[in-house]
Protein backbone atom coordinates (compact mmCIF):
# COMPACT_ATOMS: atom_id res chain seq x y z
CA UNK A 1 -157.15 -18.61 -85.78
CA UNK A 2 -154.49 -21.35 -86.56
CA UNK A 3 -155.24 -24.78 -86.99
CA UNK A 4 -153.23 -26.89 -84.21
CA UNK A 5 -150.43 -29.19 -85.98
CA UNK A 6 -150.16 -32.37 -84.77
CA UNK A 7 -145.81 -33.10 -84.10
CA UNK A 8 -143.73 -36.39 -83.86
CA UNK A 9 -144.59 -36.41 -80.18
CA UNK A 10 -148.40 -36.80 -80.88
CA UNK A 11 -147.63 -39.85 -83.53
CA UNK A 12 -148.84 -43.14 -81.47
CA UNK A 13 -146.72 -46.53 -81.77
CA UNK A 14 -147.76 -49.83 -81.95
CA UNK A 15 -146.28 -53.27 -81.63
CA UNK A 16 -147.35 -56.87 -82.78
CA UNK A 17 -145.81 -60.19 -82.51
CA UNK A 18 -146.75 -63.71 -83.82
CA UNK A 19 -145.99 -67.36 -82.94
CA UNK A 20 -147.44 -70.66 -84.31
CA UNK A 21 -147.16 -74.15 -82.89
CA UNK A 22 -148.88 -77.52 -84.13
CA UNK A 23 -151.23 -75.43 -86.35
CA UNK A 24 -152.32 -72.76 -84.22
CA UNK A 25 -151.29 -69.14 -84.22
CA UNK A 26 -151.41 -66.50 -81.50
CA UNK A 27 -150.18 -62.85 -81.56
CA UNK A 28 -150.64 -59.98 -79.81
CA UNK A 29 -150.68 -56.29 -80.72
CA UNK A 30 -150.09 -53.18 -78.53
CA UNK A 31 -151.19 -49.71 -79.79
CA UNK A 32 -150.07 -46.74 -77.57
CA UNK A 33 -153.52 -44.20 -77.03
CA UNK A 34 -153.32 -41.11 -74.43
CA UNK A 35 -153.93 -42.70 -71.55
CA UNK A 36 -152.03 -45.99 -71.94
CA UNK A 37 -152.30 -49.25 -74.32
CA UNK A 38 -154.78 -50.88 -75.73
CA UNK A 39 -153.22 -54.96 -75.75
CA UNK A 40 -155.40 -57.67 -78.27
CA UNK A 41 -154.66 -60.71 -78.39
CA UNK A 42 -155.87 -63.72 -81.10
CA UNK A 43 -155.65 -67.26 -81.20
CA UNK A 44 -156.89 -68.76 -83.57
CA UNK A 45 -156.43 -72.60 -85.91
CA UNK A 46 -158.15 -75.94 -86.14
CA UNK A 47 -158.67 -78.02 -83.33
CA UNK A 48 -157.63 -81.51 -82.78
CA UNK A 49 -161.28 -82.69 -84.33
CA UNK A 50 -160.53 -79.74 -87.75
CA UNK A 51 -162.87 -77.76 -86.41
CA UNK A 52 -162.21 -74.07 -87.11
CA UNK A 53 -161.87 -71.08 -83.99
CA UNK A 54 -160.43 -67.97 -83.43
CA UNK A 55 -160.67 -66.15 -80.08
CA UNK A 56 -159.79 -62.43 -79.79
CA UNK A 57 -159.64 -60.60 -75.98
CA UNK A 58 -158.89 -56.91 -75.77
CA UNK A 59 -157.93 -54.61 -72.35
CA UNK A 60 -156.35 -51.50 -71.44
CA UNK A 61 -153.05 -51.52 -69.65
CA UNK A 62 -150.88 -48.58 -68.57
CA UNK A 63 -148.11 -50.49 -69.47
CA UNK A 64 -146.68 -51.70 -72.54
CA UNK A 65 -146.16 -55.70 -72.43
CA UNK A 66 -143.99 -55.16 -75.46
CA UNK A 67 -141.94 -52.56 -74.37
CA UNK A 68 -139.33 -55.62 -72.96
CA UNK A 69 -139.36 -57.09 -76.57
CA UNK A 70 -138.68 -53.55 -78.20
CA UNK A 71 -135.38 -53.31 -76.15
CA UNK A 72 -133.88 -56.53 -76.60
CA UNK A 73 -134.40 -56.14 -80.31
CA UNK A 74 -132.28 -53.57 -80.21
CA UNK A 75 -129.93 -54.84 -78.29
CA UNK A 76 -130.15 -57.66 -81.14
CA UNK A 77 -130.86 -60.42 -78.64
CA UNK A 78 -133.89 -61.17 -80.91
CA UNK A 79 -137.13 -61.10 -80.23
CA UNK A 80 -138.24 -65.06 -78.83
CA UNK A 81 -136.35 -64.38 -75.70
CA UNK A 82 -139.11 -63.51 -73.55
CA UNK A 83 -141.78 -64.37 -75.66
CA UNK A 84 -143.24 -67.22 -73.81
CA UNK A 85 -143.68 -65.31 -70.88
CA UNK A 86 -145.51 -62.61 -72.51
CA UNK A 87 -147.89 -64.64 -73.66
CA UNK A 88 -148.06 -66.45 -70.59
CA UNK A 89 -148.15 -63.60 -68.49
CA UNK A 90 -149.92 -60.94 -70.39
CA UNK A 91 -153.40 -59.55 -68.43
CA UNK A 92 -151.21 -59.59 -65.27
CA UNK A 93 -149.71 -56.44 -63.46
CA UNK A 94 -151.99 -53.44 -64.04
CA UNK A 95 -154.15 -54.35 -66.77
CA UNK A 96 -158.04 -53.49 -66.26
CA UNK A 97 -160.33 -55.71 -67.67
């Protein structure tokens, strides 16, 4: 009996985007899995009082929230066009918490 070989169609993709404003970093990482996407949103930096913080959220979605970013980059419109909307609206739609 022969072992199964994984072809290119079995390779999963991942996407990420990161912004920084006023010393606060926000990043979104999306990993494709067999039944959808795992989304990880991380926000970290120093508060106004100098105290460091780090918050992380993860959830599963049936849709890739960064799919539009990938299309825009391919069309050479740049990745920043809808970035603000992604950060503001992430977790909406069909996301499962």
